[in-house]
Amino acid sequence: MAERVSRLSTEKAVVIFTRSQCPMCHTVSSLFSELGVCAAVHELDKDPRNRDMERELARRLGRAPPVPAVFVGGNLVGSTDKVMSLHLAGKLVPMLKGAGAIWL
């Protein structure tokens, strides 16, 4: 499952693993959309191997629940708290530019 998560996490400049009824997942996805990012979003509850993927993401994040899990440029950034901290510190947009997720 680690290989599958690694493969999916590099398919676009920004990849977000979510659950369809997760308010924090919606918040993070909306933030990236408002910043002009076209992220790949994988809703784990719609994947037949969701339990295995959730375990792998929880292992990587070091916490449960493992969503949202955000990858930028193939690197795990973290969950909502980390993404929002980077954004408030003015570090998220430069990271997104560096990964080719946004250009302006």
N, C-alpha and C. Protein backbone atom coordinates (compact mmCIF):
# COMPACT_ATOMS: atom_id res chain seq x y z
N MET A 1 0.82 -1.20 0.00
CA MET A 1 0.00 0.00 0.00
C MET A 1 0.87 1.26 0.00
N ALA A 2 2.05 1.17 0.59
CA ALA A 2 2.95 2.33 0.60
C ALA A 2 3.28 2.77 -0.82
N GLU A 3 3.48 1.79 -1.72
CA GLU A 3 3.78 2.13 -3.11
C GLU A 3 2.61 2.84 -3.77
N ARG A 4 1.41 2.40 -3.48
CA ARG A 4 0.22 3.03 -4.08
C ARG A 4 0.07 4.47 -3.59
N VAL A 5 0.24 4.69 -2.30
CA VAL A 5 0.17 6.05 -1.77
C VAL A 5 1.26 6.91 -2.39
N SER A 6 2.47 6.37 -2.51
CA SER A 6 3.57 7.13 -3.11
C SER A 6 3.27 7.47 -4.56
N ARG A 7 2.72 6.53 -5.30
CA ARG A 7 2.39 6.77 -6.71
C ARG A 7 1.29 7.84 -6.84
N LEU A 8 0.23 7.68 -6.06
CA LEU A 8 -0.87 8.65 -6.12
C LEU A 8 -0.44 10.04 -5.67
N SER A 9 0.47 10.09 -4.70
CA SER A 9 0.87 11.39 -4.13
C SER A 9 1.72 12.21 -5.09
N THR A 10 2.15 11.61 -6.19
CA THR A 10 2.97 12.35 -7.16
C THR A 10 2.27 12.57 -8.49
N GLU A 11 0.98 12.25 -8.58
CA GLU A 11 0.31 12.37 -9.87
C GLU A 11 0.04 13.81 -10.28
N LYS A 12 0.02 14.72 -9.35
CA LYS A 12 -0.13 16.16 -9.62
C LYS A 12 0.73 16.92 -8.63
N ALA A 13 0.89 18.21 -8.85
CA ALA A 13 1.71 19.02 -7.94
C ALA A 13 1.14 19.03 -6.53
N VAL A 14 -0.20 18.99 -6.41
CA VAL A 14 -0.86 18.92 -5.10
C VAL A 14 -1.83 17.75 -5.11
N VAL A 15 -1.71 16.90 -4.12
CA VAL A 15 -2.60 15.75 -3.97
C VAL A 15 -3.15 15.77 -2.55
N ILE A 16 -4.47 15.61 -2.46
CA ILE A 16 -5.13 15.63 -1.15
C ILE A 16 -5.92 14.33 -0.98
N PHE A 17 -5.63 13.61 0.09
CA PHE A 17 -6.41 12.43 0.44
C PHE A 17 -7.47 12.88 1.44
N THR A 18 -8.74 12.58 1.15
CA THR A 18 -9.85 13.08 1.95
C THR A 18 -10.86 11.96 2.22
N ARG A 19 -11.92 12.36 2.91
CA ARG A 19 -13.15 11.56 3.04
C ARG A 19 -14.27 12.49 2.64
N SER A 20 -15.30 11.96 2.03
CA SER A 20 -16.34 12.81 1.46
C SER A 20 -17.14 13.61 2.49
N GLN A 21 -17.29 13.13 3.71
CA GLN A 21 -18.08 13.84 4.72
C GLN A 21 -17.20 14.49 5.79
N CYS A 22 -15.99 14.87 5.43
CA CYS A 22 -15.03 15.43 6.39
C CYS A 22 -14.98 16.95 6.24
N PRO A 23 -15.44 17.71 7.24
CA PRO A 23 -15.43 19.18 7.12
C PRO A 23 -14.03 19.77 6.95
N MET A 24 -13.03 19.23 7.64
CA MET A 24 -11.66 19.75 7.50
C MET A 24 -11.10 19.45 6.11
N CYS A 25 -11.48 18.32 5.55
CA CYS A 25 -11.06 17.98 4.19
C CYS A 25 -11.62 19.00 3.21
N HIS A 26 -12.89 19.36 3.40
CA HIS A 26 -13.52 20.36 2.54
C HIS A 26 -12.82 21.71 2.69
N THR A 27 -12.47 22.08 3.91
CA THR A 27 -11.79 23.35 4.17
C THR A 27 -10.45 23.41 3.45
N VAL A 28 -9.66 22.35 3.57
CA VAL A 28 -8.34 22.32 2.94
C VAL A 28 -8.48 22.32 1.42
N SER A 29 -9.39 21.52 0.89
CA SER A 29 -9.60 21.49 -0.56
C SER A 29 -10.05 22.85 -1.07
N SER A 30 -10.92 23.52 -0.33
CA SER A 30 -11.39 24.86 -0.72
C SER A 30 -10.26 25.87 -0.72
N LEU A 31 -9.37 25.81 0.28
CA LEU A 31 -8.24 26.72 0.34
C LEU A 31 -7.39 26.59 -0.93
N PHE A 32 -7.05 25.37 -1.29
CA PHE A 32 -6.22 25.17 -2.48
C PHE A 32 -6.94 25.66 -3.74
N SER A 33 -8.23 25.40 -3.82
CA SER A 33 -9.01 25.87 -4.96
C SER A 33 -9.00 27.39 -5.05
N GLU A 34 -9.18 28.06 -3.91
CA GLU A 34 -9.17 29.53 -3.88
C GLU A 34 -7.80 30.10 -4.24
N LEU A 35 -6.74 29.33 -4.00
CA LEU A 35 -5.39 29.77 -4.36
C LEU A 35 -5.08 29.49 -5.83
N GLY A 36 -6.04 28.87 -6.54
CA GLY A 36 -5.85 28.59 -7.96
C GLY A 36 -5.18 27.26 -8.25
N VAL A 37 -5.16 26.38 -7.27
CA VAL A 37 -4.53 25.08 -7.43
C VAL A 37 -5.57 24.07 -7.91
N CYS A 38 -5.19 23.30 -8.92
CA CYS A 38 -6.03 22.20 -9.39
C CYS A 38 -5.45 20.92 -8.81
N ALA A 39 -5.88 20.60 -7.61
CA ALA A 39 -5.33 19.45 -6.88
C ALA A 39 -6.01 18.16 -7.30
N ALA A 40 -5.28 17.07 -7.19
CA ALA A 40 -5.88 15.75 -7.32
C ALA A 40 -6.44 15.40 -5.95
N VAL A 41 -7.70 15.05 -5.90
CA VAL A 41 -8.35 14.72 -4.63
C VAL A 41 -8.79 13.26 -4.66
N HIS A 42 -8.34 12.50 -3.68
CA HIS A 42 -8.71 11.09 -3.56
C HIS A 42 -9.57 10.92 -2.32
N GLU A 43 -10.85 10.60 -2.53
CA GLU A 43 -11.76 10.37 -1.41
C GLU A 43 -11.63 8.90 -1.00
N LEU A 44 -11.03 8.69 0.15
CA LEU A 44 -10.71 7.34 0.59
C LEU A 44 -11.94 6.48 0.84
N ASP A 45 -13.04 7.11 1.24
CA ASP A 45 -14.24 6.31 1.50
C ASP A 45 -14.86 5.78 0.20
N LYS A 46 -14.37 6.22 -0.95
CA LYS A 46 -14.87 5.72 -2.24
C LYS A 46 -13.88 4.75 -2.88
N ASP A 47 -12.82 4.42 -2.17
CA ASP A 47 -11.79 3.51 -2.67
C ASP A 47 -11.97 2.15 -1.99
N PRO A 48 -12.02 1.06 -2.76
CA PRO A 48 -12.21 -0.25 -2.13
C PRO A 48 -11.07 -0.66 -1.19
N ARG A 49 -9.91 -0.05 -1.34
CA ARG A 49 -8.77 -0.37 -0.45
C ARG A 49 -8.56 0.73 0.59
N ASN A 50 -9.63 1.41 0.96
CA ASN A 50 -9.51 2.58 1.83
C ASN A 50 -8.88 2.29 3.20
N ARG A 51 -9.18 1.17 3.80
CA ARG A 51 -8.64 0.87 5.14
C ARG A 51 -7.11 0.79 5.09
N ASP A 52 -6.59 0.11 4.08
CA ASP A 52 -5.14 -0.02 3.96
C ASP A 52 -4.50 1.33 3.68
N MET A 53 -5.13 2.13 2.83
CA MET A 53 -4.59 3.45 2.52
C MET A 53 -4.63 4.36 3.75
N GLU A 54 -5.72 4.29 4.51
CA GLU A 54 -5.82 5.08 5.74
C GLU A 54 -4.74 4.68 6.74
N ARG A 55 -4.48 3.40 6.88
CA ARG A 55 -3.42 2.95 7.79
C ARG A 55 -2.06 3.49 7.35
N GLU A 56 -1.79 3.45 6.06
CA GLU A 56 -0.51 3.95 5.55
C GLU A 56 -0.38 5.46 5.75
N LEU A 57 -1.45 6.19 5.49
CA LEU A 57 -1.41 7.65 5.70
C LEU A 57 -1.28 7.98 7.18
N ALA A 58 -1.96 7.24 8.05
CA ALA A 58 -1.85 7.45 9.50
C ALA A 58 -0.43 7.21 9.96
N ARG A 59 0.21 6.18 9.39
CA ARG A 59 1.61 5.89 9.73
C ARG A 59 2.50 7.05 9.32
N ARG A 60 2.29 7.58 8.12
CA ARG A 60 3.12 8.68 7.63
C ARG A 60 2.89 9.97 8.40
N LEU A 61 1.62 10.23 8.75
CA LEU A 61 1.30 11.45 9.48
C LEU A 61 1.61 11.33 10.97
N GLY A 62 1.62 10.11 11.46
CA GLY A 62 1.82 9.90 12.88
C GLY A 62 0.59 10.25 13.70
N ARG A 63 -0.57 10.15 13.07
CA ARG A 63 -1.81 10.47 13.76
C ARG A 63 -3.00 9.86 13.05
N ALA A 64 -4.10 9.77 13.76
CA ALA A 64 -5.37 9.33 13.19
C ALA A 64 -6.43 10.33 13.64
N PRO A 65 -7.41 10.66 12.86
CA PRO A 65 -7.63 10.16 11.51
C PRO A 65 -6.60 10.74 10.53
N PRO A 66 -6.35 10.01 9.44
CA PRO A 66 -5.30 10.41 8.51
C PRO A 66 -5.73 11.38 7.43
N VAL A 67 -6.91 11.94 7.54
CA VAL A 67 -7.37 12.88 6.51
C VAL A 67 -7.73 14.21 7.13
N PRO A 68 -7.55 15.31 6.40
CA PRO A 68 -6.92 15.32 5.09
C PRO A 68 -5.41 15.14 5.19
N ALA A 69 -4.85 14.50 4.18
CA ALA A 69 -3.40 14.36 4.07
C ALA A 69 -2.99 15.06 2.77
N VAL A 70 -2.15 16.06 2.89
CA VAL A 70 -1.78 16.90 1.75
C VAL A 70 -0.33 16.65 1.35
N PHE A 71 -0.14 16.42 0.05
CA PHE A 71 1.18 16.27 -0.54
C PHE A 71 1.39 17.40 -1.53
N VAL A 72 2.54 18.04 -1.47
CA VAL A 72 2.90 19.09 -2.42
C VAL A 72 4.24 18.68 -3.03
N GLY A 73 4.25 18.61 -4.35
CA GLY A 73 5.46 18.19 -5.03
C GLY A 73 5.90 16.79 -4.64
N GLY A 74 4.94 15.94 -4.30
CA GLY A 74 5.25 14.57 -3.91
C GLY A 74 5.68 14.41 -2.46
N ASN A 75 5.80 15.50 -1.73
CA ASN A 75 6.22 15.46 -0.33
C ASN A 75 5.03 15.67 0.60
N LEU A 76 4.97 14.87 1.64
CA LEU A 76 3.89 15.02 2.62
C LEU A 76 4.06 16.33 3.38
N VAL A 77 3.05 17.19 3.28
CA VAL A 77 3.04 18.45 4.03
C VAL A 77 2.42 18.21 5.39
N GLY A 78 1.29 17.51 5.41
CA GLY A 78 0.61 17.23 6.66
C GLY A 78 -0.89 17.35 6.52
N SER A 79 -1.53 17.65 7.61
CA SER A 79 -2.97 17.76 7.66
C SER A 79 -3.38 19.23 7.77
N THR A 80 -4.61 19.46 8.16
CA THR A 80 -5.17 20.81 8.20
C THR A 80 -4.31 21.77 9.01
N ASP A 81 -3.89 21.36 10.20
CA ASP A 81 -3.13 22.28 11.06
C ASP A 81 -1.84 22.74 10.39
N LYS A 82 -1.13 21.84 9.77
CA LYS A 82 0.14 22.19 9.12
C LYS A 82 -0.10 23.08 7.90
N VAL A 83 -1.10 22.74 7.09
CA VAL A 83 -1.41 23.54 5.90
C VAL A 83 -1.81 24.95 6.29
N MET A 84 -2.66 25.08 7.29
CA MET A 84 -3.12 26.41 7.72
C MET A 84 -1.98 27.20 8.35
N SER A 85 -1.12 26.55 9.11
CA SER A 85 0.04 27.23 9.69
C SER A 85 0.96 27.77 8.60
N LEU A 86 1.22 26.96 7.59
CA LEU A 86 2.05 27.41 6.47
C LEU A 86 1.41 28.59 5.75
N HIS A 87 0.10 28.50 5.55
CA HIS A 87 -0.62 29.58 4.86
C HIS A 87 -0.56 30.88 5.66
N LEU A 88 -0.83 30.80 6.95
CA LEU A 88 -0.82 32.01 7.79
C LEU A 88 0.58 32.60 7.92
N ALA A 89 1.60 31.78 7.81
CA ALA A 89 2.99 32.26 7.89
C ALA A 89 3.50 32.76 6.54
N GLY A 90 2.66 32.67 5.50
CA GLY A 90 3.08 33.13 4.18
C GLY A 90 4.02 32.17 3.47
N LYS A 91 4.04 30.92 3.90
CA LYS A 91 4.97 29.93 3.32
C LYS A 91 4.30 28.96 2.35
N LEU A 92 2.97 28.91 2.36
CA LEU A 92 2.28 27.94 1.51
C LEU A 92 2.37 28.33 0.03
N VAL A 93 2.09 29.57 -0.30
CA VAL A 93 2.11 30.00 -1.71
C VAL A 93 3.50 29.81 -2.33
N PRO A 94 4.60 30.22 -1.67
CA PRO A 94 5.91 29.94 -2.25
C PRO A 94 6.16 28.45 -2.46
N MET A 95 5.67 27.62 -1.53
CA MET A 95 5.82 26.17 -1.67
C MET A 95 5.07 25.68 -2.91
N LEU A 96 3.86 26.21 -3.10
CA LEU A 96 3.05 25.82 -4.25
C LEU A 96 3.69 26.28 -5.56
N LYS A 97 4.26 27.48 -5.55
CA LYS A 97 4.96 27.96 -6.74
C LYS A 97 6.17 27.09 -7.05
N GLY A 98 6.91 26.72 -6.03
CA GLY A 98 8.08 25.88 -6.20
C GLY A 98 7.75 24.51 -6.76
N ALA A 99 6.55 24.02 -6.46
CA ALA A 99 6.11 22.71 -6.94
C ALA A 99 5.43 22.79 -8.30
N GLY A 100 5.25 24.01 -8.81
CA GLY A 100 4.59 24.19 -10.08
C GLY A 100 3.07 24.07 -10.03
N ALA A 101 2.51 24.23 -8.83
CA ALA A 101 1.05 24.13 -8.66
C ALA A 101 0.36 25.44 -9.02
N ILE A 102 1.06 26.55 -8.85
CA ILE A 102 0.55 27.86 -9.25
C ILE A 102 1.71 28.65 -9.85
N TRP A 103 1.37 29.64 -10.67
CA TRP A 103 2.42 30.40 -11.35
C TRP A 103 2.44 31.86 -10.99
N LEU A 104 1.34 32.38 -10.47
CA LEU A 104 1.27 33.81 -10.18
C LEU A 104 1.53 34.12 -8.72
